Protein backbone atom coordinates (compact mmCIF):
# COMPACT_ATOMS: atom_id res chain seq x y z
CA UNK A 1 137.97 107.00 86.65
CA UNK A 2 134.40 107.30 87.94
CA UNK A 3 133.76 109.94 90.59
CA UNK A 4 130.43 110.38 92.39
CA UNK A 5 130.27 113.83 93.95
CA UNK A 6 127.89 116.54 95.08
CA UNK A 7 126.52 118.52 92.16
CA UNK A 8 127.52 122.13 91.61
CA UNK A 9 125.57 124.88 89.90
CA UNK A 10 128.01 124.58 87.01
CA UNK A 11 126.69 121.00 86.45
CA UNK A 12 123.09 122.03 85.82
CA UNK A 13 123.45 122.39 82.05
CA UNK A 14 125.03 118.93 81.77
CA UNK A 15 122.24 117.53 83.97
CA UNK A 16 119.53 119.04 81.76
CA UNK A 17 121.27 117.74 78.63
CA UNK A 18 121.17 114.18 80.03
CA UNK A 19 117.58 114.62 81.24
CA UNK A 20 116.08 116.10 78.07
CA UNK A 21 115.82 112.91 75.96
CA UNK A 22 114.32 111.09 78.96
CA UNK A 23 111.77 113.86 79.43
CA UNK A 24 110.88 113.60 75.73
CA UNK A 25 110.39 109.84 76.14
CA UNK A 26 108.25 110.56 79.25
CA UNK A 27 110.62 108.49 81.41
CA UNK A 28 111.40 111.54 83.59
CA UNK A 29 109.13 114.41 84.50
CA UNK A 30 110.31 117.69 83.04
CA UNK A 31 111.64 120.39 85.32
CA UNK A 32 112.24 124.04 84.71
CA UNK A 33 115.88 125.09 84.69
CA UNK A 34 115.30 127.16 87.81
CA UNK A 35 114.10 124.04 89.67
CA UNK A 36 117.45 122.33 89.09
CA UNK A 37 119.29 125.34 90.48
CA UNK A 38 116.93 125.58 93.48
CA UNK A 39 117.48 121.93 94.39
CA UNK A 40 121.15 121.55 93.42
CA UNK A 41 122.15 120.64 97.00
CA UNK A 42 120.03 117.46 96.69
CA UNK A 43 121.92 116.23 93.63
CA UNK A 44 124.95 114.07 93.05
CA UNK A 45 126.62 113.65 89.69
CA UNK A 46 128.68 110.89 88.18
CA UNK A 47 131.79 112.23 86.53
CA UNK A 48 133.86 110.07 84.21
CA UNK A 49 137.16 111.50 83.00
CA UNK A 50 135.92 115.03 83.76
CA UNK A 51 132.56 114.62 81.99
CA UNK A 52 129.21 114.53 83.84
CA UNK A 53 127.56 111.31 82.67
CA UNK A 54 124.81 110.86 85.25
CA UNK A 55 122.91 112.47 88.06
CA UNK A 56 120.46 111.73 90.83
CA UNK A 57 118.88 113.43 93.81
CA UNK A 58 117.79 112.60 97.33
CA UNK A 59 114.82 114.61 98.56
CA UNK A 60 113.90 114.40 102.24
CA UNK A 61 110.14 114.10 102.62
CA UNK A 62 109.70 113.46 106.34
CA UNK A 63 111.54 112.60 109.53
CA UNK A 64 112.50 109.10 108.39
CA UNK A 65 111.51 109.19 104.71
CA UNK A 66 113.27 110.39 101.58
CA UNK A 67 112.86 109.94 97.84
CA UNK A 68 115.44 109.09 95.20
CA UNK A 69 114.58 111.43 92.35
CA UNK A 70 115.60 111.65 88.72
CA UNK A 71 118.36 109.05 88.76
CA UNK A 72 119.64 109.03 85.19
CA UNK A 73 122.72 108.09 83.16
CA UNK A 74 123.66 109.43 79.74
CA UNK A 75 122.55 106.90 77.10
CA UNK A 76 126.14 106.49 75.87
CA UNK A 77 127.32 105.39 79.34
CA UNK A 78 124.59 102.98 80.43
CA UNK A 79 125.29 99.46 81.73
CA UNK A 80 128.61 100.40 83.35
CA UNK A 81 127.47 100.48 86.99
CA UNK A 82 127.18 104.27 87.07
CA UNK A 83 123.52 104.30 88.16
CA UNK A 84 124.28 101.75 90.87
CA UNK A 85 127.21 103.83 92.14
CA UNK A 86 125.05 106.96 92.35
CA UNK A 87 122.24 105.06 94.08
CA UNK A 88 124.68 103.68 96.67
CA UNK A 89 125.87 107.24 97.36
CA UNK A 90 122.31 108.56 97.70
CA UNK A 91 121.37 105.73 100.08
CA UNK A 92 124.47 106.42 102.18
CA UNK A 93 123.50 110.09 102.37
CA UNK A 94 120.03 109.02 103.51
CA UNK A 95 121.55 106.88 106.27
CA UNK A 96 123.73 109.78 107.43
CA UNK A 97 120.61 111.96 107.68
CA UNK A 98 118.85 109.36 109.84
CA UNK A 99 116.48 108.27 107.09
CA UNK A 100 115.09 104.74 107.47
CA UNK A 101 112.90 104.48 104.36
CA UNK A 102 113.64 105.55 100.79
CA UNK A 103 110.93 105.82 98.15
CA UNK A 104 111.14 106.00 94.37
CA UNK A 105 108.67 106.24 91.51
CA UNK A 106 110.15 104.45 88.53
CA UNK A 107 109.84 102.50 85.31
CA UNK A 108 113.15 100.77 86.19
CA UNK A 109 111.66 98.16 88.52
CA UNK A 110 114.36 95.52 87.92
CA UNK A 111 117.16 97.99 88.66
CA UNK A 112 115.64 99.17 91.93
CA UNK A 113 114.61 95.63 92.94
CA UNK A 114 118.23 94.55 92.51
CA UNK A 115 119.13 97.22 95.09
CA UNK A 116 116.61 96.08 97.69
CA UNK A 117 113.57 98.17 96.78
CA UNK A 118 110.14 96.54 96.81
CA UNK A 119 107.00 97.58 94.99
CA UNK A 120 104.32 99.04 97.24
CA UNK A 121 100.63 99.66 96.72
CA UNK A 122 99.81 101.40 99.97
CA UNK A 123 101.06 104.59 101.58
CA UNK A 124 103.43 103.48 104.34
CA UNK A 125 102.86 106.34 106.78
CA UNK A 126 100.47 106.74 109.68
CA UNK A 127 97.41 108.99 109.47
CA UNK A 128 99.07 111.83 111.39
CA UNK A 129 102.09 111.87 109.06
CA UNK A 130 99.82 111.64 106.02
CA UNK A 131 97.92 114.69 107.25
CA UNK A 132 101.19 116.63 107.46
CA UNK A 133 102.58 115.41 104.12
CA UNK A 134 99.39 116.25 102.23
CA UNK A 135 100.07 119.93 103.03
CA UNK A 136 103.23 119.87 100.93
CA UNK A 137 103.25 121.65 97.57
CA UNK A 138 105.97 119.31 96.32
CA UNK A 139 104.92 117.12 93.37
CA UNK A 140 107.14 114.26 94.56
CA UNK A 141 105.32 114.15 97.88
CA UNK A 142 102.01 114.09 95.98
CA UNK A 143 103.35 111.16 93.93
CA UNK A 144 104.34 109.34 97.11
CA UNK A 145 100.87 109.90 98.57
CA UNK A 146 99.35 108.70 95.27
CA UNK A 147 97.17 111.80 95.02
CA UNK A 148 94.82 112.04 92.07
CA UNK A 149 96.28 115.38 90.89
CA UNK A 150 99.54 113.69 89.81
CA UNK A 151 98.07 110.52 88.27
CA UNK A 152 98.42 111.81 84.69
CA UNK A 153 102.16 112.28 85.27
CA UNK A 154 102.80 108.91 86.87
CA UNK A 155 100.94 106.39 84.72
CA UNK A 156 102.99 103.25 84.23
CA UNK A 157 105.42 104.02 87.04
CA UNK A 158 105.90 101.69 89.97
CA UNK A 159 105.98 102.99 93.52
CA UNK A 160 108.86 101.34 95.37
CA UNK A 161 110.30 101.50 98.88
CA UNK A 162 113.50 100.38 100.56
CA UNK A 163 114.04 100.07 104.30
CA UNK A 164 117.56 101.02 105.38
């Protein structure tokens, strides 16, 4: 039975094991182990028969804006609806937080399009919000703002947005 639940610190090693091949393929950006522990409260995991087979995170960026980060499923468990189940959970968590827009940076355009995301080319925030966001040290915020310093990490990715 598939269970989508909040991640625990004890899940971090399973998360990094799933992430590693995707980092090697340059599908996901690599993170230090400590970064997973620091952000564990943002993560959900998909557990199938007691085994962690997927993970994803929701990172709040601003008052009404969040990002779906590092949504991934173990290669042996793809095409079973696990990614979709985790995405639904992350979007529900966004709604509960009062988030109205969810961003992602992805190679999986078809997957996210099928869940109501649309590709964007602009930065959908006003100048005042942009001025606040640009102060962030978070790489995901820099990706959202399409800042030059992250371009080398994001080549080939599509910037997508969903309104809730």
